[in-house]
Amino acid sequence: MAKTPTNRPWTAKEFEASLEEAGKFARGEKAKVKVSVIHLCPQARDVKEARKALKVTQPQFARLLDISTETVRKWEQGINPITGTASRWIAAALKRPKLVKSLLMELTAARA
């Protein structure tokens, strides 16, 4: 299938051809497609990496996020999905661990 310039809408024929290629790919047939994997939520390995970057144990991490230690354990084992605000804190911790730890400790102290 020829590439469609991004400055104009697809024609019905181009769209149909694109759907045909997607169908081939879904059936496991050879297809002209580009596949990208986008993780919308942190994965189990990200939780552990973030916790290690913050240099805290599972119970300490749980306290910082105001959740149970069991939840942290299930996240790290890939049993439960990581969603909501916690997923954003985890993503931030992977990028700026010192800042995130400081902020979470301040918020934890304010809750006490």
C-alpha atoms as a PDB file:
ATOM      1  CA  MET A   1       0.000   0.000   0.000  1.00  0.00           C
ATOM      2  CA  ALA A   2       1.366   3.423  -0.902  1.00  0.00           C
ATOM      3  CA  LYS A   3       1.950   5.932   1.849  1.00  0.00           C
ATOM      4  CA  THR A   4      -0.706   8.585   2.203  1.00  0.00           C
ATOM      5  CA  PRO A   5       0.525  12.129   2.761  1.00  0.00           C
ATOM      6  CA  THR A   6      -0.509  13.363   6.190  1.00  0.00           C
ATOM      7  CA  ASN A   7      -1.830  16.638   4.795  1.00  0.00           C
ATOM      8  CA  ARG A   8      -4.894  15.083   3.171  1.00  0.00           C
ATOM      9  CA  PRO A   9      -7.571  12.619   4.286  1.00  0.00           C
ATOM     10  CA  TRP A  10      -7.441   9.025   3.146  1.00  0.00           C
ATOM     11  CA  THR A  11      -9.664   7.988   0.295  1.00  0.00           C
ATOM     12  CA  ALA A  12     -12.120   5.155   0.843  1.00  0.00           C
ATOM     13  CA  LYS A  13      -9.927   2.926  -1.344  1.00  0.00           C
ATOM     14  CA  GLU A  14      -6.816   3.681   0.722  1.00  0.00           C
ATOM     15  CA  PHE A  15      -8.683   3.074   3.954  1.00  0.00           C
ATOM     16  CA  GLU A  16     -10.029  -0.231   2.641  1.00  0.00           C
ATOM     17  CA  ALA A  17      -6.510  -1.311   1.616  1.00  0.00           C
ATOM     18  CA  SER A  18      -5.244  -0.397   5.072  1.00  0.00           C
ATOM     19  CA  LEU A  19      -7.960  -2.495   6.729  1.00  0.00           C
ATOM     20  CA  GLU A  20      -7.063  -5.396   4.446  1.00  0.00           C
ATOM     21  CA  GLU A  21      -3.419  -5.215   5.594  1.00  0.00           C
ATOM     22  CA  ALA A  22      -4.525  -5.073   9.239  1.00  0.00           C
ATOM     23  CA  GLY A  23      -6.679  -8.154   8.671  1.00  0.00           C
ATOM     24  CA  LYS A  24      -3.736 -10.038   7.167  1.00  0.00           C
ATOM     25  CA  PHE A  25      -1.587  -9.110  10.145  1.00  0.00           C
ATOM     26  CA  ALA A  26      -4.288 -10.213  12.603  1.00  0.00           C
ATOM     27  CA  ARG A  27      -4.532 -13.591  10.836  1.00  0.00           C
ATOM     28  CA  GLY A  28      -0.761 -14.051  11.033  1.00  0.00           C
ATOM     29  CA  GLU A  29      -0.242 -13.570   7.314  1.00  0.00           C
ATOM     30  CA  LYS A  30       2.527 -11.490   5.777  1.00  0.00           C
ATOM     31  CA  ALA A  31       1.407  -7.856   5.787  1.00  0.00           C
ATOM     32  CA  LYS A  32       2.851  -4.417   5.128  1.00  0.00           C
ATOM     33  CA  VAL A  33       2.336  -3.006   8.609  1.00  0.00           C
ATOM     34  CA  LYS A  34       4.363  -1.189  11.210  1.00  0.00           C
ATOM     35  CA  VAL A  35       3.764  -2.395  14.766  1.00  0.00           C
ATOM     36  CA  SER A  36       4.480  -0.205  17.778  1.00  0.00           C
ATOM     37  CA  VAL A  37       4.048  -1.270  21.386  1.00  0.00           C
ATOM     38  CA  ILE A  38       2.985   1.476  23.750  1.00  0.00           C
ATOM     39  CA  HIS A  39       2.809   0.753  27.460  1.00  0.00           C
ATOM     40  CA  LEU A  40       0.126   3.025  28.818  1.00  0.00           C
ATOM     41  CA  CYS A  41       0.562   1.859  32.384  1.00  0.00           C
ATOM     42  CA  PRO A  42       3.794   1.048  34.169  1.00  0.00           C
ATOM     43  CA  GLN A  43       4.691  -2.638  34.062  1.00  0.00           C
ATOM     44  CA  ALA A  44       5.745  -4.871  36.968  1.00  0.00           C
ATOM     45  CA  ARG A  45       9.451  -4.291  36.249  1.00  0.00           C
ATOM     46  CA  ASP A  46       8.868  -0.515  36.317  1.00  0.00           C
ATOM     47  CA  VAL A  47       7.466  -0.682  39.858  1.00  0.00           C
ATOM     48  CA  LYS A  48      10.507  -2.510  41.160  1.00  0.00           C
ATOM     49  CA  GLU A  49      12.883  -0.214  39.243  1.00  0.00           C
ATOM     50  CA  ALA A  50      11.125   2.873  40.628  1.00  0.00           C
ATOM     51  CA  ARG A  51      11.241   1.484  44.170  1.00  0.00           C
ATOM     52  CA  LYS A  52      14.941   0.684  43.816  1.00  0.00           C
ATOM     53  CA  ALA A  53      15.588   4.172  42.369  1.00  0.00           C
ATOM     54  CA  LEU A  54      13.920   5.646  45.460  1.00  0.00           C
ATOM     55  CA  LYS A  55      16.001   3.283  47.643  1.00  0.00           C
ATOM     56  CA  VAL A  56      13.028   2.061  49.652  1.00  0.00           C
ATOM     57  CA  THR A  57      11.600  -1.312  50.673  1.00  0.00           C
ATOM     58  CA  GLN A  58       8.157  -2.529  49.626  1.00  0.00           C
ATOM     59  CA  PRO A  59       6.585  -1.423  52.957  1.00  0.00           C
ATOM     60  CA  GLN A  60       8.260   2.000  52.701  1.00  0.00           C
ATOM     61  CA  PHE A  61       7.120   2.393  49.097  1.00  0.00           C
ATOM     62  CA  ALA A  62       3.582   1.435  50.099  1.00  0.00           C
ATOM     63  CA  ARG A  63       3.583   4.048  52.870  1.00  0.00           C
ATOM     64  CA  LEU A  64       4.846   6.744  50.482  1.00  0.00           C
ATOM     65  CA  LEU A  65       2.024   5.987  48.050  1.00  0.00           C
ATOM     66  CA  ASP A  66      -0.557   5.487  50.835  1.00  0.00           C
ATOM     67  CA  ILE A  67      -1.353   1.947  49.717  1.00  0.00           C
ATOM     68  CA  SER A  68      -0.882  -1.531  51.196  1.00  0.00           C
ATOM     69  CA  THR A  69       2.371  -3.483  51.007  1.00  0.00           C
ATOM     70  CA  GLU A  70       0.312  -6.278  49.451  1.00  0.00           C
ATOM     71  CA  THR A  71      -0.620  -3.968  46.557  1.00  0.00           C
ATOM     72  CA  VAL A  72       3.054  -3.181  45.913  1.00  0.00           C
ATOM     73  CA  ARG A  73       3.873  -6.900  45.990  1.00  0.00           C
ATOM     74  CA  LYS A  74       1.078  -7.698  43.512  1.00  0.00           C
ATOM     75  CA  TRP A  75       2.217  -4.894  41.203  1.00  0.00           C
ATOM     76  CA  GLU A  76       5.791  -6.174  41.218  1.00  0.00           C
ATOM     77  CA  GLN A  77       4.602  -9.711  40.461  1.00  0.00           C
ATOM     78  CA  GLY A  78       2.393  -8.466  37.632  1.00  0.00           C
ATOM     79  CA  ILE A  79      -0.776  -9.686  39.337  1.00  0.00           C
ATOM     80  CA  ASN A  80      -2.544  -6.316  39.533  1.00  0.00           C
ATOM     81  CA  PRO A  81      -2.387  -3.469  36.996  1.00  0.00           C
ATOM     82  CA  ILE A  82      -0.907  -0.153  38.074  1.00  0.00           C
ATOM     83  CA  THR A  83      -3.345   2.665  37.362  1.00  0.00           C
ATOM     84  CA  GLY A  84      -4.320   6.134  38.439  1.00  0.00           C
ATOM     85  CA  THR A  85      -2.118   8.512  40.372  1.00  0.00           C
ATOM     86  CA  ALA A  86       0.254   5.763  41.476  1.00  0.00           C
ATOM     87  CA  SER A  87       1.170   5.026  37.863  1.00  0.00           C
ATOM     88  CA  ARG A  88       2.178   8.654  37.382  1.00  0.00           C
ATOM     89  CA  TRP A  89       4.283   8.687  40.559  1.00  0.00           C
ATOM     90  CA  ILE A  90       6.024   5.501  39.388  1.00  0.00           C
ATOM     91  CA  ALA A  91       6.718   6.967  35.955  1.00  0.00           C
ATOM     92  CA  ALA A  92       8.046  10.147  37.553  1.00  0.00           C
ATOM     93  CA  ALA A  93      10.214   8.167  39.983  1.00  0.00           C
ATOM     94  CA  LEU A  94      11.924   6.480  37.060  1.00  0.00           C
ATOM     95  CA  LYS A  95      12.859   9.884  35.638  1.00  0.00           C
ATOM     96  CA  ARG A  96      13.481  12.023  38.752  1.00  0.00           C
ATOM     97  CA  PRO A  97      13.855   9.715  41.793  1.00  0.00           C
ATOM     98  CA  LYS A  98      15.326  12.289  44.206  1.00  0.00           C
ATOM     99  CA  LEU A  99      12.617  14.841  43.517  1.00  0.00           C
ATOM    100  CA  VAL A 100       9.818  12.274  43.679  1.00  0.00           C
ATOM    101  CA  LYS A 101      11.111  10.787  46.934  1.00  0.00           C
ATOM    102  CA  SER A 102      11.326  14.241  48.461  1.00  0.00           C
ATOM    103  CA  LEU A 103       7.788  15.120  47.403  1.00  0.00           C
ATOM    104  CA  LEU A 104       6.302  11.803  48.532  1.00  0.00           C
ATOM    105  CA  MET A 105       8.051  12.047  51.910  1.00  0.00           C
ATOM    106  CA  GLU A 106       6.685  15.551  52.366  1.00  0.00           C
ATOM    107  CA  LEU A 107       3.165  14.386  51.490  1.00  0.00           C
ATOM    108  CA  THR A 108       3.494  11.378  53.816  1.00  0.00           C
ATOM    109  CA  ALA A 109       4.586  13.628  56.675  1.00  0.00           C
ATOM    110  CA  ALA A 110       1.605  15.905  56.036  1.00  0.00           C
ATOM    111  CA  ARG A 111      -0.760  12.909  56.347  1.00  0.00           C
ATOM    112  CA  ALA A 112       0.670  11.894  59.717  1.00  0.00           C
END
